[in-house]
Amino acid sequence: MNTQQLLAAPDSVRNCAAIVFAAIVSSGLTKPIVFAVTSGYFWLHNTPGVPATASDVSTFAFTLTLIGAHLLSLIGPLAGGGWVVKLSASGLTRNTLLASLFAAGLCAWVQRLPHDLSVPLWSSIAALVLPLFALPLGVWLYKRDH
């Protein structure tokens, strides 16, 4: 189904598509960005010649890297907010809230998956909270510009 067919679909289909697509765009862009930035940090930090005594500096640098990764990952929810506006037939506020909760739920599910590296608690909380605020911000920005 292409965009024109979706826009011609009944309102209930358009609203459901808006919620699901916005949440998937939000989570689908957020996680790869955070992964790429933190992987790049570890790749640079673990190159030969980096002294092991730089652990205090590396902890601070990793914290700054995580903050930067979370800020950069706001691209996902902001883009998802635009899709909520484009696809919603009615109930924009409801669709925005449901898409934000669905995106946060996807983030919570990803946080529960086993992984090798420990993540600070604040980073896990930020990953859950950011879609709740950034997706409505994306809706507002899209409506303001269009």
Protein backbone atom coordinates (compact mmCIF):
# COMPACT_ATOMS: atom_id res chain seq x y z
CA MET A 1 0.00 0.00 0.00
CA ASN A 2 1.47 3.35 -0.99
CA THR A 3 0.88 6.71 0.68
CA GLN A 4 -1.92 7.77 -1.70
CA GLN A 5 -3.85 4.56 -1.04
CA LEU A 6 -3.34 4.99 2.69
CA LEU A 7 -4.62 8.55 2.59
CA ALA A 8 -7.75 7.29 0.76
CA ALA A 9 -8.33 4.57 3.38
CA PRO A 10 -11.00 4.83 6.09
CA ASP A 11 -10.25 7.05 9.08
CA SER A 12 -9.71 4.14 11.48
CA VAL A 13 -7.07 2.61 9.19
CA ARG A 14 -5.33 5.96 8.79
CA ASN A 15 -5.29 6.58 12.54
CA CYS A 16 -3.90 3.12 13.29
CA ALA A 17 -1.29 3.53 10.56
CA ALA A 18 -0.31 6.93 11.98
CA ILE A 19 0.23 5.49 15.45
CA VAL A 20 2.13 2.38 14.37
CA PHE A 21 4.24 4.07 11.71
CA ALA A 22 5.20 7.00 13.94
CA ALA A 23 6.26 4.68 16.77
CA ILE A 24 8.26 2.47 14.42
CA VAL A 25 9.98 5.48 12.83
CA SER A 26 10.72 6.87 16.29
CA SER A 27 12.23 3.66 17.65
CA GLY A 28 13.67 2.54 14.34
CA LEU A 29 15.81 5.65 14.01
CA THR A 30 16.65 6.12 17.69
CA LYS A 31 18.29 2.78 18.48
CA PRO A 32 20.62 2.61 15.45
CA ILE A 33 21.83 6.17 16.10
CA VAL A 34 22.65 5.45 19.76
CA PHE A 35 24.26 2.14 18.76
CA ALA A 36 26.41 3.75 16.04
CA VAL A 37 27.60 6.60 18.26
CA THR A 38 28.46 4.38 21.23
CA SER A 39 30.08 1.75 18.99
CA GLY A 40 32.20 4.48 17.44
CA TYR A 41 33.22 5.58 20.93
CA PHE A 42 34.28 2.05 21.91
CA TRP A 43 36.08 1.54 18.61
CA LEU A 44 38.09 4.73 19.11
CA HIS A 45 38.67 4.11 22.80
CA ASN A 46 39.87 0.52 22.40
CA THR A 47 42.41 1.21 19.69
CA PRO A 48 45.96 0.13 20.48
CA GLY A 49 47.96 2.76 22.27
CA VAL A 50 45.21 4.09 24.55
CA PRO A 51 46.56 3.84 28.11
CA ALA A 52 44.47 1.81 30.54
CA THR A 53 45.03 4.48 33.23
CA ALA A 54 42.67 6.84 31.41
CA SER A 55 39.58 5.13 32.90
CA ASP A 56 38.31 8.21 34.74
CA VAL A 57 38.57 10.30 31.61
CA SER A 58 36.98 7.53 29.56
CA THR A 59 33.99 7.27 31.95
CA PHE A 60 33.39 11.01 31.65
CA ALA A 61 33.88 10.84 27.88
CA PHE A 62 31.45 7.92 27.61
CA THR A 63 28.85 9.88 29.59
CA LEU A 64 29.24 12.82 27.21
CA THR A 65 29.04 10.40 24.27
CA LEU A 66 25.78 8.95 25.61
CA ILE A 67 24.32 12.43 26.12
CA GLY A 68 25.26 13.34 22.56
CA ALA A 69 23.84 10.08 21.24
CA HIS A 70 20.51 10.66 23.00
CA LEU A 71 20.31 14.23 21.69
CA LEU A 72 21.14 13.06 18.17
CA SER A 73 18.58 10.28 18.46
CA LEU A 74 15.81 12.86 18.86
CA ILE A 75 15.72 12.80 15.05
CA GLY A 76 13.59 9.63 15.28
CA PRO A 77 10.71 10.92 17.43
CA LEU A 78 10.73 14.28 15.66
CA ALA A 79 10.33 12.51 12.32
CA GLY A 80 7.66 10.24 13.81
CA GLY A 81 5.71 13.30 14.90
CA GLY A 82 5.58 14.50 11.32
CA TRP A 83 4.14 11.17 10.22
CA VAL A 84 1.43 11.36 12.89
CA VAL A 85 0.28 14.67 11.40
CA LYS A 86 0.49 13.42 7.80
CA LEU A 87 -1.45 10.21 8.36
CA SER A 88 -3.97 11.10 11.08
CA ALA A 89 -7.50 11.53 9.82
CA SER A 90 -8.86 12.73 13.16
CA GLY A 91 -7.92 12.76 16.83
CA LEU A 92 -4.42 14.13 16.39
CA THR A 93 -3.89 14.56 20.14
CA ARG A 94 -5.02 11.00 20.86
CA ASN A 95 -2.88 9.60 18.04
CA THR A 96 0.15 11.55 19.26
CA LEU A 97 -0.28 10.27 22.80
CA LEU A 98 -0.76 6.66 21.67
CA ALA A 99 2.22 6.84 19.29
CA SER A 100 4.39 8.28 22.09
CA LEU A 101 3.34 5.52 24.49
CA PHE A 102 3.85 2.85 21.83
CA ALA A 103 7.33 4.21 21.03
CA ALA A 104 8.21 4.28 24.75
CA GLY A 105 6.92 0.71 25.04
CA LEU A 106 9.15 -0.37 22.16
CA CYS A 107 12.08 1.32 23.92
CA ALA A 108 11.21 -0.48 27.16
CA TRP A 109 11.10 -3.79 25.30
CA VAL A 110 14.52 -3.13 23.73
CA GLN A 111 15.92 -2.14 27.16
CA ARG A 112 14.87 -5.55 28.52
CA LEU A 113 16.75 -7.48 25.82
CA PRO A 114 20.00 -9.01 27.07
CA HIS A 115 23.16 -7.26 25.96
CA ASP A 116 26.84 -7.44 26.88
CA LEU A 117 27.49 -3.85 27.88
CA SER A 118 26.02 -2.30 30.98
CA VAL A 119 24.14 0.94 30.41
CA PRO A 120 23.81 3.62 33.10
CA LEU A 121 20.37 3.90 34.66
CA TRP A 122 19.96 7.52 33.54
CA SER A 123 20.50 6.45 29.92
CA SER A 124 17.78 3.80 30.16
CA ILE A 125 15.40 6.32 31.70
CA ALA A 126 16.25 8.88 29.00
CA ALA A 127 15.53 6.31 26.29
CA LEU A 128 12.08 5.74 27.79
CA VAL A 129 11.20 9.38 28.48
CA LEU A 130 12.52 11.11 25.35
CA PRO A 131 9.86 9.71 22.95
CA LEU A 132 7.12 10.91 25.30
CA PHE A 133 8.23 14.51 24.83
CA ALA A 134 9.99 14.49 21.46
CA LEU A 135 7.18 12.94 19.43
CA PRO A 136 4.63 15.63 20.46
CA LEU A 137 7.34 18.21 19.78
CA GLY A 138 7.70 16.73 16.29
CA VAL A 139 3.94 17.08 15.79
CA TRP A 140 4.05 20.69 16.91
CA LEU A 141 7.05 21.52 14.69
CA TYR A 142 5.45 19.87 11.66
CA LYS A 143 2.16 21.70 12.19
CA ARG A 144 4.00 25.00 12.68
CA ASP A 145 5.95 24.62 9.43
CA HIS A 146 3.09 23.30 7.27
